[in-house]
Protein backbone atom coordinates (compact mmCIF):
# COMPACT_ATOMS: atom_id res chain seq x y z
CA MET A 1 -4.89 57.14 14.82
CA ALA A 2 -7.19 58.32 12.04
CA ILE A 3 -10.47 59.71 13.37
CA THR A 4 -13.43 58.55 11.27
CA ALA A 5 -16.90 60.04 10.87
CA ALA A 6 -18.33 56.87 12.41
CA MET A 7 -16.26 57.40 15.56
CA VAL A 8 -17.42 61.00 15.85
CA LYS A 9 -21.04 59.88 15.37
CA GLU A 10 -20.69 57.20 18.05
CA LEU A 11 -19.20 59.65 20.58
CA ARG A 12 -21.91 62.21 19.80
CA GLU A 13 -24.63 59.60 20.47
CA MET A 14 -22.94 58.58 23.73
CA THR A 15 -22.55 62.09 25.11
CA GLY A 16 -24.91 64.42 23.27
CA ALA A 17 -21.97 66.77 22.69
CA GLY A 18 -21.51 68.82 19.51
CA MET A 19 -19.92 67.31 16.39
CA MET A 20 -16.82 69.52 16.48
CA ASP A 21 -16.40 68.98 20.23
CA CYS A 22 -16.50 65.19 19.66
CA LYS A 23 -13.94 65.39 16.88
CA LYS A 24 -11.62 67.50 19.06
CA ALA A 25 -12.01 65.08 21.98
CA LEU A 26 -11.10 62.08 19.81
CA ASN A 27 -8.09 63.90 18.40
CA GLU A 28 -6.94 64.86 21.89
CA THR A 29 -7.26 61.26 23.14
CA ASN A 30 -5.91 59.55 19.99
CA GLY A 31 -9.25 57.85 19.30
CA ASP A 32 -9.72 56.32 22.75
CA MET A 33 -13.52 56.42 23.14
CA GLU A 34 -13.63 56.15 26.94
CA ALA A 35 -10.92 58.80 27.32
CA ALA A 36 -12.82 61.02 24.85
CA VAL A 37 -16.00 60.72 26.95
CA GLU A 38 -13.98 61.69 30.03
CA PHE A 39 -12.42 64.59 28.10
CA LEU A 40 -15.87 65.93 27.20
CA ARG A 41 -17.15 65.50 30.73
CA LYS A 42 -14.15 67.34 32.20
CA ASN A 43 -14.59 70.20 29.76
CA GLY A 44 -18.32 70.43 30.39
CA GLN A 45 -19.47 69.83 26.80
CA ALA A 46 -21.22 66.52 27.39
CA LYS A 47 -23.21 67.88 30.31
CA ALA A 48 -23.92 71.20 28.62
CA GLU A 49 -25.12 69.74 25.32
CA LYS A 50 -27.56 67.40 27.06
CA LYS A 51 -29.12 70.43 28.74
CA ALA A 52 -29.19 72.60 25.63
CA GLY A 53 -32.73 71.57 24.72
CA ARG A 54 -34.18 72.79 27.98
CA ILE A 55 -35.97 76.13 27.94
CA ALA A 56 -34.01 78.87 29.71
CA ALA A 57 -36.52 81.67 30.26
CA GLU A 58 -35.55 82.90 33.72
CA GLY A 59 -32.34 84.76 34.51
CA LEU A 60 -31.12 88.32 34.78
CA CYS A 61 -30.51 91.51 32.86
CA LYS A 62 -27.41 93.44 33.88
CA VAL A 63 -26.42 96.99 32.92
CA ILE A 64 -22.95 98.52 33.31
CA VAL A 65 -22.08 102.18 32.68
CA LYS A 66 -18.55 103.51 32.21
CA GLU A 67 -17.75 107.20 32.77
CA ASP A 68 -21.27 108.32 31.74
CA LYS A 69 -20.28 107.73 28.09
CA THR A 70 -20.54 103.99 27.45
CA ALA A 71 -23.12 101.47 28.62
CA ALA A 72 -23.89 97.83 27.95
CA VAL A 73 -26.87 95.69 28.84
CA VAL A 74 -26.97 91.89 28.66
CA GLU A 75 -29.59 89.23 29.23
CA VAL A 76 -28.38 85.86 30.50
CA ASN A 77 -31.01 83.16 30.95
CA SER A 78 -31.29 80.20 33.28
CA GLU A 79 -33.93 77.49 33.53
CA THR A 80 -35.13 78.42 37.02
CA ASP A 81 -35.59 81.49 39.14
CA PHE A 82 -33.72 79.65 41.90
CA VAL A 83 -30.50 79.70 39.85
CA ALA A 84 -31.11 83.34 38.86
CA LYS A 85 -30.79 84.18 42.57
CA ASN A 86 -27.58 82.16 42.93
CA GLU A 87 -24.47 84.25 43.66
CA GLU A 88 -22.30 82.29 41.21
CA PHE A 89 -24.79 82.89 38.39
CA GLN A 90 -25.08 86.58 39.27
CA ASN A 91 -21.30 86.97 39.23
CA PHE A 92 -21.20 85.32 35.81
CA VAL A 93 -23.86 87.72 34.46
CA THR A 94 -21.79 90.67 35.74
CA ALA A 95 -18.73 89.25 33.97
CA VAL A 96 -20.75 88.92 30.74
CA ALA A 97 -21.83 92.57 31.06
CA GLU A 98 -18.20 93.62 31.59
CA GLN A 99 -17.30 91.62 28.49
CA ALA A 100 -20.01 93.43 26.53
CA ILE A 101 -18.95 96.94 27.54
CA ASN A 102 -15.42 96.23 26.28
CA SER A 103 -16.54 94.29 23.21
CA GLU A 104 -16.47 95.40 19.59
CA ALA A 105 -18.68 92.49 18.50
CA LYS A 106 -21.68 93.35 16.32
CA ASP A 107 -23.62 90.11 16.77
CA MET A 108 -23.91 87.18 19.17
CA ASP A 109 -21.75 84.82 17.11
CA ALA A 110 -18.85 87.28 17.18
CA PHE A 111 -19.43 87.95 20.87
CA LEU A 112 -19.33 84.25 21.81
CA ALA A 113 -16.15 83.78 19.75
CA GLU A 114 -14.25 86.54 21.59
CA ASN A 115 -11.56 85.79 24.15
CA TRP A 116 -13.11 85.76 27.62
CA ASN A 117 -11.89 88.84 29.49
CA ALA A 118 -11.63 86.98 32.78
CA ASP A 119 -9.42 84.27 31.21
CA ALA A 120 -8.08 84.89 27.70
CA SER A 121 -7.21 81.20 27.26
CA LYS A 122 -10.89 80.49 26.54
CA THR A 123 -13.68 82.05 24.49
CA VAL A 124 -16.91 83.50 25.86
CA LYS A 125 -18.73 80.38 24.63
CA GLU A 126 -16.29 78.10 26.42
CA ALA A 127 -16.71 80.10 29.63
CA LEU A 128 -20.49 79.69 29.25
CA VAL A 129 -20.18 75.91 28.74
CA GLU A 130 -18.02 75.64 31.87
CA LYS A 131 -20.58 77.59 33.88
CA ILE A 132 -23.37 75.28 32.67
CA ALA A 133 -21.35 72.31 33.94
CA VAL A 134 -20.81 73.95 37.34
CA ILE A 135 -24.36 75.23 37.88
CA GLY A 136 -26.11 72.21 36.34
CA GLU A 137 -28.74 74.06 34.31
CA ASN A 138 -28.98 75.18 30.72
CA LEU A 139 -27.77 78.80 30.54
CA THR A 140 -27.82 81.08 27.52
CA ILE A 141 -26.32 84.47 26.79
CA ARG A 142 -29.37 85.62 24.88
CA ARG A 143 -28.54 89.17 23.82
CA PHE A 144 -26.41 92.22 24.47
CA GLU A 145 -26.29 95.82 23.35
CA LYS A 146 -23.59 98.43 23.76
CA VAL A 147 -24.38 102.16 23.59
CA VAL A 148 -21.75 104.89 23.21
CA ALA A 149 -22.77 108.53 23.68
CA GLU A 150 -20.93 110.72 21.17
CA ASN A 151 -22.43 114.07 22.22
CA GLY A 152 -23.81 113.67 25.72
CA CYS A 153 -24.19 110.87 28.23
CA VAL A 154 -25.81 107.56 29.04
CA VAL A 155 -27.71 106.55 32.17
CA SER A 156 -29.11 103.23 33.30
CA TYR A 157 -31.88 101.81 35.44
CA THR A 158 -32.43 98.26 36.67
CA HIS A 159 -35.83 97.12 37.94
CA GLY A 160 -36.90 94.11 39.95
CA GLY A 161 -33.40 92.99 40.89
CA GLY A 162 -32.46 92.49 37.25
CA ARG A 163 -35.78 91.56 35.66
CA ILE A 164 -35.61 94.69 33.49
CA GLY A 165 -32.51 96.61 32.37
CA VAL A 166 -32.67 100.00 30.63
CA ILE A 167 -30.17 102.32 28.99
CA VAL A 168 -31.04 105.88 27.92
CA GLU A 169 -28.70 107.85 25.66
CA ALA A 170 -29.04 111.62 25.43
CA ASP A 171 -27.43 114.38 23.42
CA THR A 172 -26.72 117.21 25.86
CA ASP A 173 -24.20 120.02 26.20
CA VAL A 174 -24.60 119.98 30.00
CA VAL A 175 -23.95 116.85 32.05
CA ASN A 176 -24.60 117.44 35.73
CA ASP A 177 -26.45 115.68 38.54
CA ALA A 178 -29.78 117.29 37.66
CA ILE A 179 -29.58 116.22 34.02
CA LYS A 180 -28.53 112.68 34.97
CA GLU A 181 -31.33 112.46 37.54
CA ALA A 182 -33.88 113.54 34.92
CA LEU A 183 -32.60 110.96 32.45
CA THR A 184 -32.70 108.28 35.15
CA ASN A 185 -36.35 109.20 35.75
CA VAL A 186 -36.92 108.73 32.01
CA ALA A 187 -35.19 105.33 32.19
CA MET A 188 -37.62 104.38 34.96
CA GLN A 189 -40.45 105.46 32.66
CA VAL A 190 -39.08 103.19 29.93
CA ALA A 191 -38.93 100.27 32.38
CA ALA A 192 -42.50 100.85 33.57
CA LEU A 193 -44.35 101.63 30.33
CA ALA A 194 -42.20 99.90 27.67
CA PRO A 195 -42.46 102.42 24.82
CA LYS A 196 -41.45 101.27 21.34
CA TYR A 197 -40.10 104.55 19.96
CA VAL A 198 -38.50 107.76 21.23
CA SER A 199 -40.92 110.02 19.31
CA GLN A 200 -43.44 109.96 16.48
CA ALA A 201 -40.64 110.98 14.12
CA ASP A 202 -39.19 107.47 14.58
CA VAL A 203 -42.42 105.69 13.63
CA SER A 204 -42.41 104.49 10.02
CA GLU A 205 -45.27 105.30 7.67
CA GLU A 206 -45.65 101.56 7.08
CA TYR A 207 -46.31 100.99 10.78
CA LYS A 208 -48.86 103.83 10.84
CA GLU A 209 -50.66 102.51 7.76
CA HIS A 210 -50.71 98.99 9.18
CA GLU A 211 -52.19 100.18 12.48
CA LYS A 212 -54.62 102.43 10.63
CA SER A 213 -55.94 99.47 8.61
CA ILE A 214 -56.52 97.47 11.81
CA LEU A 215 -58.26 100.40 13.52
CA LEU A 216 -60.38 100.94 10.42
CA GLU A 217 -61.69 97.38 10.53
CA GLN A 218 -62.36 97.67 14.24
CA ALA A 219 -64.28 100.93 13.76
CA LYS A 220 -66.35 99.50 10.90
CA ASN A 221 -67.29 96.45 12.96
CA GLU A 222 -68.24 98.59 15.95
CA ASN A 223 -70.11 101.23 13.90
CA PRO A 224 -71.50 99.55 10.74
CA ASP A 225 -74.01 102.35 10.12
CA LYS A 226 -71.67 105.34 10.45
CA PRO A 227 -70.58 107.22 7.32
CA GLU A 228 -67.03 106.64 6.08
CA GLY A 229 -66.02 110.26 6.76
CA ILE A 230 -66.94 109.94 10.43
CA ILE A 231 -65.12 106.61 10.71
CA GLU A 232 -62.01 108.20 9.14
CA LYS A 233 -61.98 110.88 11.84
CA MET A 234 -62.48 108.25 14.53
CA ILE A 235 -59.49 106.18 13.47
CA ILE A 236 -57.21 109.24 13.22
CA GLY A 237 -58.06 109.99 16.84
CA ARG A 238 -57.46 106.40 17.87
CA LEU A 239 -54.15 106.24 15.99
CA ASN A 240 -52.93 109.43 17.67
CA LYS A 241 -53.89 108.00 21.06
CA GLU A 242 -51.97 104.79 20.32
CA LEU A 243 -48.89 106.70 19.15
CA LYS A 244 -48.89 108.68 22.40
CA GLU A 245 -48.81 105.40 24.29
CA ILE A 246 -45.90 103.87 22.36
CA CYS A 247 -43.74 107.00 21.86
CA LEU A 248 -41.66 107.84 24.94
CA LEU A 249 -41.64 111.64 24.66
CA GLU A 250 -45.41 111.77 24.22
CA GLN A 251 -46.27 109.45 27.08
CA ALA A 252 -47.70 111.02 30.23
CA TYR A 253 -44.76 111.41 32.61
CA VAL A 254 -45.49 108.97 35.46
CA LYS A 255 -43.93 111.15 38.15
CA ALA A 256 -45.77 114.33 37.14
CA GLU A 257 -47.84 115.71 40.02
CA ASP A 258 -50.82 116.62 37.85
CA GLY A 259 -50.56 113.54 35.66
CA LYS A 260 -50.79 115.69 32.54
CA GLN A 261 -47.16 116.59 31.78
CA SER A 262 -45.59 114.57 28.96
CA VAL A 263 -42.07 113.14 29.16
CA GLY A 264 -41.04 115.58 26.42
CA LYS A 265 -42.34 118.57 28.37
CA TYR A 266 -40.65 117.33 31.54
CA LEU A 267 -37.29 117.19 29.74
CA GLU A 268 -37.85 120.66 28.25
CA GLN A 269 -38.43 121.98 31.79
CA VAL A 270 -35.24 120.33 33.12
CA ALA A 271 -33.22 121.56 30.13
CA LYS A 272 -34.41 125.15 30.67
CA GLU A 273 -33.62 125.04 34.40
CA ASN A 274 -30.05 123.87 33.63
CA GLY A 275 -29.38 125.97 30.53
CA ALA A 276 -28.97 122.82 28.45
CA ASN A 277 -29.80 121.58 25.00
CA LEU A 278 -31.17 118.16 25.91
CA THR A 279 -32.52 115.46 23.59
CA VAL A 280 -33.17 111.78 24.18
CA LYS A 281 -31.47 110.05 21.29
CA LYS A 282 -32.08 106.38 22.06
CA PHE A 283 -33.19 103.88 24.67
CA VAL A 284 -32.67 100.14 25.09
CA ARG A 285 -34.99 98.01 27.23
CA PHE A 286 -34.33 94.34 28.01
CA GLU A 287 -36.83 92.29 30.00
CA THR A 288 -35.83 88.84 31.19
CA GLY A 289 -37.52 86.07 29.23
CA GLU A 290 -39.32 88.54 26.96
CA GLY A 291 -40.68 86.67 23.93
CA ILE A 292 -39.50 83.25 25.12
CA GLU A 293 -42.24 80.66 25.23
CA LYS A 294 -42.06 79.10 28.67
CA LYS A 295 -42.84 75.41 29.01
CA GLU A 296 -45.67 74.82 31.43
CA GLU A 297 -44.82 71.84 33.62
CA ASP A 298 -47.52 69.60 35.10
CA PHE A 299 -45.59 68.34 38.11
CA ALA A 300 -48.16 65.70 39.11
CA ALA A 301 -48.29 64.33 35.56
CA GLU A 302 -44.48 64.23 35.37
CA VAL A 303 -44.26 62.25 38.64
CA ALA A 304 -46.97 59.87 37.47
CA LYS A 305 -45.13 59.32 34.21
CA GLN A 306 -41.87 58.51 35.96
CA MET A 307 -43.65 56.13 38.36
CA GLY A 308 -45.33 54.35 35.44
CA MET A 309 -48.78 55.26 36.72
C-alpha cells in the first residue's frame, strides 16, 4: 500500500511521534493505522515524543577513566531528582559514559547515530527512546566529552553523587600515586570553584578588553570625581583580581594550610618532590542542569486548574 503524506500527518497527530518514525511505522504495518499506533507504542516513540517537550534539568554526570590515559564525562538529564536516584537510570548513565569513552564521535548528532555498545542492533538514540518508555520521563543525553592524554595522564573527580563531574588532563613524565593524588586534588578544586581557564595565557585579549570596559564603567560610576589615571590603575587591579579567580593555576589552593598557596605553586611543589615535569593541560567540568532554565511549578495552581476551580 502506498503511504501518503496525509497518512503520516494523521499518525503524527494521533501519537505525537516524529515524522520519520510515523512513516516507518506505516511502512512496517502496510498502512494499517491502528497497527502503526501499536508499532510506535511498542517501540517507545509515541510515549517518548509526547514527553519530549518537558524540561529535563535533573539527572547525573558520570565520569569513566581507562588506564589513566583516556577519560569521558557525560551528562544525562531527567525531569525529576527522584528518577536521577533510580538504579535503572543510573545504570543507563553508566552505559552512556562507557559508550562515550569508546566513541569517535565529534558531536551529539554523530554520537546518537552510533551503534549502541550494549546492543549493536540499535543506535544510541533508539536506546534512549526505549529508556524513556521504560522510565516514563523525558530523558536527554545532553553532552559528552572525551579526553585522551598524549603525554601524561588523566584523573577524575565526581561530586555530590554525580551532580558535578570533572576531568583533569596533565602532561607529566612521572605518573605515580603522588602525582595522581595531586591532580585529583586539583580536580576537586575545579569542582568547588568552577574556574573558566587553566591559566591567564588561555584568556583571550578580547575577553580581557570586554571585562576591562565593564570594570571601567563601574569604577567611573563609583568614583565620578577621580582622575582618569587613578581609575585606570584601579581597573587594572580589579581585572587582575578577577583573572586570579577564574584561572585555575592562580586560584588560592583550597587545601593549603595557610590559605595563601596558589594551585600553580602547589603543583610546582609536588612536581619537585617527585622529580617530575608536571603541567595541567586541560580540565572539563560538567554540572547537572547547568544553564538549563528550570520550569517553576505552582502545584496548588496546577491542581486548581485540573479541578476547574
